[in-house]
């Protein structure tokens, strides 16, 4: 009975030690963005905001939109 308990306790100690090491190596949580920083993510129409020029595949957030148009789709039937 004692021989079955010793490997279990060793594995338990190793698991606990790995949890402690993982917690100590964990990075700090990122600070939340302020209201001024999150305001730039919404599309706006302001004069003087910089126009981003992307190269490659980049997601642009916080666009400066002047005109968007109608937010619907239209389907048309065309005779061939």
PDB file of N, CA and C in Angstrom:
ATOM      1  N   UNK A   1       0.820  -1.198   0.000  1.00  0.00           N
ATOM      2  CA  UNK A   1       0.000   0.000   0.000  1.00  0.00           C
ATOM      3  C   UNK A   1       0.862   1.261   0.000  1.00  0.00           C
ATOM      4  N   UNK A   2       1.957   1.250   0.740  1.00  0.00           N
ATOM      5  CA  UNK A   2       2.832   2.415   0.821  1.00  0.00           C
ATOM      6  C   UNK A   2       3.564   2.640  -0.491  1.00  0.00           C
ATOM      7  N   UNK A   3       3.804   1.527  -1.251  1.00  0.00           N
ATOM      8  CA  UNK A   3       4.501   1.671  -2.523  1.00  0.00           C
ATOM      9  C   UNK A   3       3.630   2.364  -3.577  1.00  0.00           C
ATOM     10  N   UNK A   4       2.318   2.281  -3.463  1.00  0.00           N
ATOM     11  CA  UNK A   4       1.424   2.955  -4.400  1.00  0.00           C
ATOM     12  C   UNK A   4       1.232   4.422  -4.031  1.00  0.00           C
ATOM     13  N   UNK A   5       1.444   4.769  -2.785  1.00  0.00           N
ATOM     14  CA  UNK A   5       1.243   6.140  -2.334  1.00  0.00           C
ATOM     15  C   UNK A   5       2.436   7.025  -2.674  1.00  0.00           C
ATOM     16  N   UNK A   6       3.633   6.465  -2.650  1.00  0.00           N
ATOM     17  CA  UNK A   6       4.847   7.264  -2.891  1.00  0.00           C
ATOM     18  C   UNK A   6       4.882   7.826  -4.313  1.00  0.00           C
ATOM     19  N   UNK A   7       4.642   7.044  -5.389  1.00  0.00           N
ATOM     20  CA  UNK A   7       4.646   7.649  -6.737  1.00  0.00           C
ATOM     21  C   UNK A   7       3.559   8.719  -6.909  1.00  0.00           C
ATOM     22  N   UNK A   8       2.414   8.501  -6.281  1.00  0.00           N
ATOM     23  CA  UNK A   8       1.343   9.500  -6.355  1.00  0.00           C
ATOM     24  C   UNK A   8       1.781  10.805  -5.710  1.00  0.00           C
ATOM     25  N   UNK A   9       2.414  10.739  -4.550  1.00  0.00           N
ATOM     26  CA  UNK A   9       2.873  11.954  -3.871  1.00  0.00           C
ATOM     27  C   UNK A   9       3.979  12.648  -4.653  1.00  0.00           C
ATOM     28  N   UNK A  10       4.846  11.857  -5.307  1.00  0.00           N
ATOM     29  CA  UNK A  10       5.915  12.455  -6.120  1.00  0.00           C
ATOM     30  C   UNK A  10       5.299  13.197  -7.311  1.00  0.00           C
ATOM     31  N   UNK A  11       4.343  12.587  -7.993  1.00  0.00           N
ATOM     32  CA  UNK A  11       3.684  13.251  -9.124  1.00  0.00           C
ATOM     33  C   UNK A  11       2.904  14.479  -8.676  1.00  0.00           C
ATOM     34  N   UNK A  12       2.300  14.403  -7.511  1.00  0.00           N
ATOM     35  CA  UNK A  12       1.579  15.547  -6.971  1.00  0.00           C
ATOM     36  C   UNK A  12       2.529  16.703  -6.676  1.00  0.00           C
ATOM     37  N   UNK A  13       3.688  16.404  -6.114  1.00  0.00           N
ATOM     38  CA  UNK A  13       4.685  17.444  -5.811  1.00  0.00           C
ATOM     39  C   UNK A  13       5.239  18.055  -7.101  1.00  0.00           C
ATOM     40  N   UNK A  14       5.496  17.213  -8.107  1.00  0.00           N
ATOM     41  CA  UNK A  14       6.001  17.732  -9.387  1.00  0.00           C
ATOM     42  C   UNK A  14       4.947  18.615 -10.048  1.00  0.00           C
ATOM     43  N   UNK A  15       3.700  18.201 -10.035  1.00  0.00           N
ATOM     44  CA  UNK A  15       2.623  19.009 -10.612  1.00  0.00           C
ATOM     45  C   UNK A  15       2.468  20.343  -9.915  1.00  0.00           C
ATOM     46  N   UNK A  16       2.548  20.332  -8.591  1.00  0.00           N
ATOM     47  CA  UNK A  16       2.447  21.584  -7.826  1.00  0.00           C
ATOM     48  C   UNK A  16       3.624  22.497  -8.136  1.00  0.00           C
ATOM     49  N   UNK A  17       4.839  21.934  -8.235  1.00  0.00           N
ATOM     50  CA  UNK A  17       6.028  22.736  -8.543  1.00  0.00           C
ATOM     51  C   UNK A  17       5.908  23.355  -9.936  1.00  0.00           C
ATOM     52  N   UNK A  18       5.378  22.598 -10.898  1.00  0.00           N
ATOM     53  CA  UNK A  18       5.212  23.147 -12.247  1.00  0.00           C
ATOM     54  C   UNK A  18       4.166  24.256 -12.280  1.00  0.00           C
ATOM     55  N   UNK A  19       3.130  24.140 -11.481  1.00  0.00           N
ATOM     56  CA  UNK A  19       2.124  25.200 -11.399  1.00  0.00           C
ATOM     57  C   UNK A  19       2.727  26.477 -10.825  1.00  0.00           C
ATOM     58  N   UNK A  20       3.560  26.345  -9.803  1.00  0.00           N
ATOM     59  CA  UNK A  20       4.203  27.510  -9.188  1.00  0.00           C
ATOM     60  C   UNK A  20       5.159  28.164 -10.185  1.00  0.00           C
ATOM     61  N   UNK A  21       5.938  27.359 -10.906  1.00  0.00           N
ATOM     62  CA  UNK A  21       6.872  27.902 -11.895  1.00  0.00           C
ATOM     63  C   UNK A  21       6.101  28.606 -13.015  1.00  0.00           C
ATOM     64  N   UNK A  22       5.012  28.013 -13.467  1.00  0.00           N
ATOM     65  CA  UNK A  22       4.197  28.645 -14.508  1.00  0.00           C
ATOM     66  C   UNK A  22       3.608  29.967 -14.054  1.00  0.00           C
ATOM     67  N   UNK A  23       3.185  30.040 -12.799  1.00  0.00           N
ATOM     68  CA  UNK A  23       2.626  31.285 -12.271  1.00  0.00           C
ATOM     69  C   UNK A  23       3.708  32.356 -12.174  1.00  0.00           C
ATOM     70  N   UNK A  24       4.923  31.966 -11.767  1.00  0.00           N
ATOM     71  CA  UNK A  24       6.000  32.942 -11.641  1.00  0.00           C
ATOM     72  C   UNK A  24       6.475  33.448 -13.001  1.00  0.00           C
ATOM     73  N   UNK A  25       6.397  32.615 -14.029  1.00  0.00           N
ATOM     74  CA  UNK A  25       6.840  33.015 -15.365  1.00  0.00           C
ATOM     75  C   UNK A  25       5.758  33.721 -16.174  1.00  0.00           C
ATOM     76  N   UNK A  26       4.537  33.749 -15.659  1.00  0.00           N
ATOM     77  CA  UNK A  26       3.422  34.368 -16.374  1.00  0.00           C
ATOM     78  C   UNK A  26       3.651  35.876 -16.515  1.00  0.00           C
ATOM     79  N   UNK A  27       3.330  36.403 -17.697  1.00  0.00           N
ATOM     80  CA  UNK A  27       3.491  37.834 -17.937  1.00  0.00           C
ATOM     81  C   UNK A  27       2.442  38.657 -17.218  1.00  0.00           C
ATOM     82  N   UNK A  28       2.699  39.939 -17.153  1.00  0.00           N
ATOM     83  CA  UNK A  28       1.742  40.851 -16.521  1.00  0.00           C
ATOM     84  C   UNK A  28       0.552  41.057 -17.447  1.00  0.00           C
ATOM     85  N   UNK A  29      -0.647  41.209 -16.900  1.00  0.00           N
ATOM     86  CA  UNK A  29      -1.804  41.483 -17.767  1.00  0.00           C
ATOM     87  C   UNK A  29      -1.683  42.868 -18.383  1.00  0.00           C
ATOM     88  N   UNK A  30      -2.189  42.972 -19.595  1.00  0.00           N
ATOM     89  CA  UNK A  30      -2.131  44.261 -20.287  1.00  0.00           C
ATOM     90  C   UNK A  30      -3.098  45.240 -19.642  1.00  0.00           C
ATOM     91  N   UNK A  31      -2.681  46.481 -19.598  1.00  0.00           N
ATOM     92  CA  UNK A  31      -3.548  47.531 -19.047  1.00  0.00           C
ATOM     93  C   UNK A  31      -4.672  47.802 -20.032  1.00  0.00           C
ATOM     94  N   UNK A  32      -5.838  48.097 -19.517  1.00  0.00           N
ATOM     95  CA  UNK A  32      -6.967  48.399 -20.384  1.00  0.00           C
ATOM     96  C   UNK A  32      -6.748  49.742 -21.074  1.00  0.00           C
ATOM     97  N   UNK A  33      -7.300  49.853 -22.266  1.00  0.00           N
ATOM     98  CA  UNK A  33      -7.149  51.091 -23.030  1.00  0.00           C
ATOM     99  C   UNK A  33      -8.000  52.183 -22.416  1.00  0.00           C
ATOM    100  N   UNK A  34      -7.500  53.397 -22.491  1.00  0.00           N
ATOM    101  CA  UNK A  34      -8.259  54.528 -21.983  1.00  0.00           C
ATOM    102  C   UNK A  34      -9.375  54.884 -22.958  1.00  0.00           C
ATOM    103  N   UNK A  35     -10.276  55.743 -22.526  1.00  0.00           N
ATOM    104  CA  UNK A  35     -11.387  56.157 -23.383  1.00  0.00           C
ATOM    105  C   UNK A  35     -10.900  56.902 -24.620  1.00  0.00           C
ATOM    106  N   UNK A  36      -9.820  57.643 -24.483  1.00  0.00           N
ATOM    107  CA  UNK A  36      -9.300  58.386 -25.630  1.00  0.00           C
ATOM    108  C   UNK A  36      -8.734  57.436 -26.681  1.00  0.00           C
ATOM    109  N   UNK A  37      -8.138  56.340 -26.243  1.00  0.00           N
ATOM    110  CA  UNK A  37      -7.570  55.385 -27.196  1.00  0.00           C
ATOM    111  C   UNK A  37      -8.657  54.565 -27.873  1.00  0.00           C
ATOM    112  N   UNK A  38      -9.692  54.180 -27.151  1.00  0.00           N
ATOM    113  CA  UNK A  38     -10.761  53.402 -27.762  1.00  0.00           C
ATOM    114  C   UNK A  38     -11.645  54.260 -28.653  1.00  0.00           C
ATOM    115  N   UNK A  39     -11.625  55.567 -28.470  1.00  0.00           N
ATOM    116  CA  UNK A  39     -12.408  56.462 -29.317  1.00  0.00           C
ATOM    117  C   UNK A  39     -11.881  56.460 -30.747  1.00  0.00           C
ATOM    118  N   UNK A  40     -10.592  56.218 -30.927  1.00  0.00           N
ATOM    119  CA  UNK A  40     -10.003  56.225 -32.261  1.00  0.00           C
ATOM    120  C   UNK A  40     -10.353  54.977 -33.055  1.00  0.00           C
ATOM    121  N   UNK A  41     -10.886  53.936 -32.424  1.00  0.00           N
ATOM    122  CA  UNK A  41     -11.232  52.716 -33.141  1.00  0.00           C
ATOM    123  C   UNK A  41     -12.549  52.837 -33.898  1.00  0.00           C
ATOM    124  N   UNK A  42     -13.413  53.753 -33.514  1.00  0.00           N
ATOM    125  CA  UNK A  42     -14.697  53.923 -34.178  1.00  0.00           C
ATOM    126  C   UNK A  42     -14.527  54.771 -35.430  1.00  0.00           C
ATOM    127  N   UNK A  43     -15.257  54.447 -36.495  1.00  0.00           N
ATOM    128  CA  UNK A  43     -15.181  55.268 -37.700  1.00  0.00           C
ATOM    129  C   UNK A  43     -15.694  56.684 -37.441  1.00  0.00           C
ATOM    130  N   UNK A  44     -14.965  57.668 -37.895  1.00  0.00           N
ATOM    131  CA  UNK A  44     -15.344  59.055 -37.698  1.00  0.00           C
ATOM    132  C   UNK A  44     -15.141  59.821 -38.997  1.00  0.00           C
ATOM    133  N   UNK A  45     -15.546  61.048 -38.991  1.00  0.00           N
ATOM    134  CA  UNK A  45     -15.305  61.944 -40.124  1.00  0.00           C
ATOM    135  C   UNK A  45     -14.735  63.238 -39.562  1.00  0.00           C
ATOM    136  N   UNK A  46     -13.425  63.280 -39.458  1.00  0.00           N
ATOM    137  CA  UNK A  46     -12.742  64.465 -38.917  1.00  0.00           C
ATOM    138  C   UNK A  46     -11.703  64.946 -39.912  1.00  0.00           C
ATOM    139  N   UNK A  47     -11.539  66.232 -39.971  1.00  0.00           N
ATOM    140  CA  UNK A  47     -10.480  66.791 -40.795  1.00  0.00           C
ATOM    141  C   UNK A  47      -9.177  66.729 -40.014  1.00  0.00           C
ATOM    142  N   UNK A  48      -8.106  66.413 -40.684  1.00  0.00           N
ATOM    143  CA  UNK A  48      -6.801  66.409 -40.047  1.00  0.00           C
ATOM    144  C   UNK A  48      -6.354  65.062 -39.512  1.00  0.00           C
ATOM    145  N   UNK A  49      -7.206  64.033 -39.559  1.00  0.00           N
ATOM    146  CA  UNK A  49      -6.765  62.703 -39.118  1.00  0.00           C
ATOM    147  C   UNK A  49      -5.893  62.092 -40.192  1.00  0.00           C
ATOM    148  N   UNK A  50      -4.856  61.358 -39.805  1.00  0.00           N
ATOM    149  CA  UNK A  50      -3.974  60.760 -40.816  1.00  0.00           C
ATOM    150  C   UNK A  50      -4.686  59.652 -41.592  1.00  0.00           C
ATOM    151  N   UNK A  51      -4.315  59.519 -42.853  1.00  0.00           N
ATOM    152  CA  UNK A  51      -4.884  58.486 -43.708  1.00  0.00           C
ATOM    153  C   UNK A  51      -3.895  57.321 -43.739  1.00  0.00           C
ATOM    154  N   UNK A  52      -4.295  56.131 -43.280  1.00  0.00           N
ATOM    155  CA  UNK A  52      -3.357  55.010 -43.276  1.00  0.00           C
ATOM    156  C   UNK A  52      -3.101  54.490 -44.692  1.00  0.00           C
ATOM    157  N   UNK A  53      -1.855  54.106 -44.955  1.00  0.00           N
ATOM    158  CA  UNK A  53      -1.474  53.520 -46.235  1.00  0.00           C
ATOM    159  C   UNK A  53      -0.933  52.128 -45.938  1.00  0.00           C
ATOM    160  N   UNK A  54      -1.779  51.090 -46.089  1.00  0.00           N
ATOM    161  CA  UNK A  54      -1.328  49.742 -45.737  1.00  0.00           C
ATOM    162  C   UNK A  54      -0.513  49.096 -46.847  1.00  0.00           C
ATOM    163  N   UNK A  55       0.403  48.240 -46.451  1.00  0.00           N
ATOM    164  CA  UNK A  55       1.182  47.426 -47.383  1.00  0.00           C
ATOM    165  C   UNK A  55       0.974  45.974 -46.980  1.00  0.00           C
ATOM    166  N   UNK A  56       0.500  45.143 -47.886  1.00  0.00           N
ATOM    167  CA  UNK A  56       0.232  43.751 -47.569  1.00  0.00           C
ATOM    168  C   UNK A  56      -1.167  43.593 -47.009  1.00  0.00           C
ATOM    169  N   UNK A  57      -1.362  42.529 -46.227  1.00  0.00           N
ATOM    170  CA  UNK A  57      -2.662  42.260 -45.628  1.00  0.00           C
ATOM    171  C   UNK A  57      -2.682  42.814 -44.217  1.00  0.00           C
ATOM    172  N   UNK A  58      -3.372  43.946 -44.039  1.00  0.00           N
ATOM    173  CA  UNK A  58      -3.422  44.627 -42.753  1.00  0.00           C
ATOM    174  C   UNK A  58      -4.866  44.989 -42.459  1.00  0.00           C
ATOM    175  N   UNK A  59      -5.295  44.802 -41.225  1.00  0.00           N
ATOM    176  CA  UNK A  59      -6.632  45.223 -40.827  1.00  0.00           C
ATOM    177  C   UNK A  59      -6.543  46.646 -40.290  1.00  0.00           C
ATOM    178  N   UNK A  60      -7.304  47.529 -40.893  1.00  0.00           N
ATOM    179  CA  UNK A  60      -7.279  48.933 -40.489  1.00  0.00           C
ATOM    180  C   UNK A  60      -8.490  49.198 -39.607  1.00  0.00           C
ATOM    181  N   UNK A  61      -8.253  49.689 -38.402  1.00  0.00           N
ATOM    182  CA  UNK A  61      -9.343  50.059 -37.502  1.00  0.00           C
ATOM    183  C   UNK A  61      -9.334  51.568 -37.342  1.00  0.00           C
ATOM    184  N   UNK A  62     -10.462  52.127 -37.034  1.00  0.00           N
ATOM    185  CA  UNK A  62     -10.559  53.567 -36.813  1.00  0.00           C
ATOM    186  C   UNK A  62     -10.477  54.356 -38.100  1.00  0.00           C
ATOM    187  N   UNK A  63     -11.269  53.990 -39.065  1.00  0.00           N
ATOM    188  CA  UNK A  63     -11.226  54.687 -40.346  1.00  0.00           C
ATOM    189  C   UNK A  63     -11.825  56.080 -40.247  1.00  0.00           C
ATOM    190  N   UNK A  64     -11.402  56.947 -41.121  1.00  0.00           N
ATOM    191  CA  UNK A  64     -11.959  58.281 -41.233  1.00  0.00           C
ATOM    192  C   UNK A  64     -12.900  58.259 -42.436  1.00  0.00           C
ATOM    193  N   UNK A  65     -14.183  58.023 -42.187  1.00  0.00           N
ATOM    194  CA  UNK A  65     -15.163  57.826 -43.252  1.00  0.00           C
ATOM    195  C   UNK A  65     -15.906  59.127 -43.508  1.00  0.00           C
ATOM    196  N   UNK A  66     -15.941  59.526 -44.750  1.00  0.00           N
ATOM    197  CA  UNK A  66     -16.676  60.725 -45.112  1.00  0.00           C
ATOM    198  C   UNK A  66     -18.069  60.357 -45.607  1.00  0.00           C
ATOM    199  N   UNK A  67     -18.173  59.298 -46.434  1.00  0.00           N
ATOM    200  CA  UNK A  67     -19.474  58.877 -46.947  1.00  0.00           C
ATOM    201  C   UNK A  67     -19.466  57.363 -47.064  1.00  0.00           C
ATOM    202  N   UNK A  68     -20.481  56.740 -46.558  1.00  0.00           N
ATOM    203  CA  UNK A  68     -20.560  55.281 -46.613  1.00  0.00           C
ATOM    204  C   UNK A  68     -21.588  54.821 -47.633  1.00  0.00           C
ATOM    205  N   UNK A  69     -22.683  55.501 -47.766  1.00  0.00           N
ATOM    206  CA  UNK A  69     -23.720  55.107 -48.702  1.00  0.00           C
ATOM    207  C   UNK A  69     -24.809  54.306 -48.011  1.00  0.00           C
ATOM    208  N   UNK A  70     -25.687  53.746 -48.809  1.00  0.00           N
ATOM    209  CA  UNK A  70     -26.804  52.989 -48.273  1.00  0.00           C
ATOM    210  C   UNK A  70     -26.306  51.621 -47.779  1.00  0.00           C
ATOM    211  N   UNK A  71     -26.737  51.228 -46.599  1.00  0.00           N
ATOM    212  CA  UNK A  71     -26.257  49.987 -46.007  1.00  0.00           C
ATOM    213  C   UNK A  71     -27.137  48.801 -46.386  1.00  0.00           C
ATOM    214  N   UNK A  72     -27.558  48.719 -47.591  1.00  0.00           N
ATOM    215  CA  UNK A  72     -28.400  47.616 -48.034  1.00  0.00           C
ATOM    216  C   UNK A  72     -27.897  47.075 -49.355  1.00  0.00           C
ATOM    217  N   UNK A  73     -28.488  45.970 -49.775  1.00  0.00           N
ATOM    218  CA  UNK A  73     -28.129  45.398 -51.066  1.00  0.00           C
ATOM    219  C   UNK A  73     -29.363  45.386 -51.951  1.00  0.00           C
ATOM    220  N   UNK A  74     -29.146  45.471 -53.225  1.00  0.00           N
ATOM    221  CA  UNK A  74     -30.212  45.443 -54.208  1.00  0.00           C
ATOM    222  C   UNK A  74     -29.918  44.329 -55.188  1.00  0.00           C
ATOM    223  N   UNK A  75     -30.943  43.598 -55.553  1.00  0.00           N
ATOM    224  CA  UNK A  75     -30.777  42.579 -56.594  1.00  0.00           C
ATOM    225  C   UNK A  75     -31.599  42.987 -57.807  1.00  0.00           C
ATOM    226  N   UNK A  76     -31.030  42.831 -58.963  1.00  0.00           N
ATOM    227  CA  UNK A  76     -31.682  43.224 -60.208  1.00  0.00           C
ATOM    228  C   UNK A  76     -31.741  42.008 -61.150  1.00  0.00           C
ATOM    229  N   UNK A  77     -32.810  41.916 -61.880  1.00  0.00           N
ATOM    230  CA  UNK A  77     -32.935  40.870 -62.886  1.00  0.00           C
ATOM    231  C   UNK A  77     -32.621  41.469 -64.241  1.00  0.00           C
ATOM    232  N   UNK A  78     -31.750  40.799 -64.958  1.00  0.00           N
ATOM    233  CA  UNK A  78     -31.303  41.271 -66.271  1.00  0.00           C
ATOM    234  C   UNK A  78     -31.712  40.244 -67.315  1.00  0.00           C
ATOM    235  N   UNK A  79     -32.325  40.704 -68.416  1.00  0.00           N
ATOM    236  CA  UNK A  79     -32.677  39.803 -69.505  1.00  0.00           C
ATOM    237  C   UNK A  79     -31.452  39.561 -70.367  1.00  0.00           C
ATOM    238  N   UNK A  80     -31.244  38.288 -70.696  1.00  0.00           N
ATOM    239  CA  UNK A  80     -30.093  37.947 -71.552  1.00  0.00           C
ATOM    240  C   UNK A  80     -30.484  37.924 -73.010  1.00  0.00           C
TER     241      UNK A  80
END
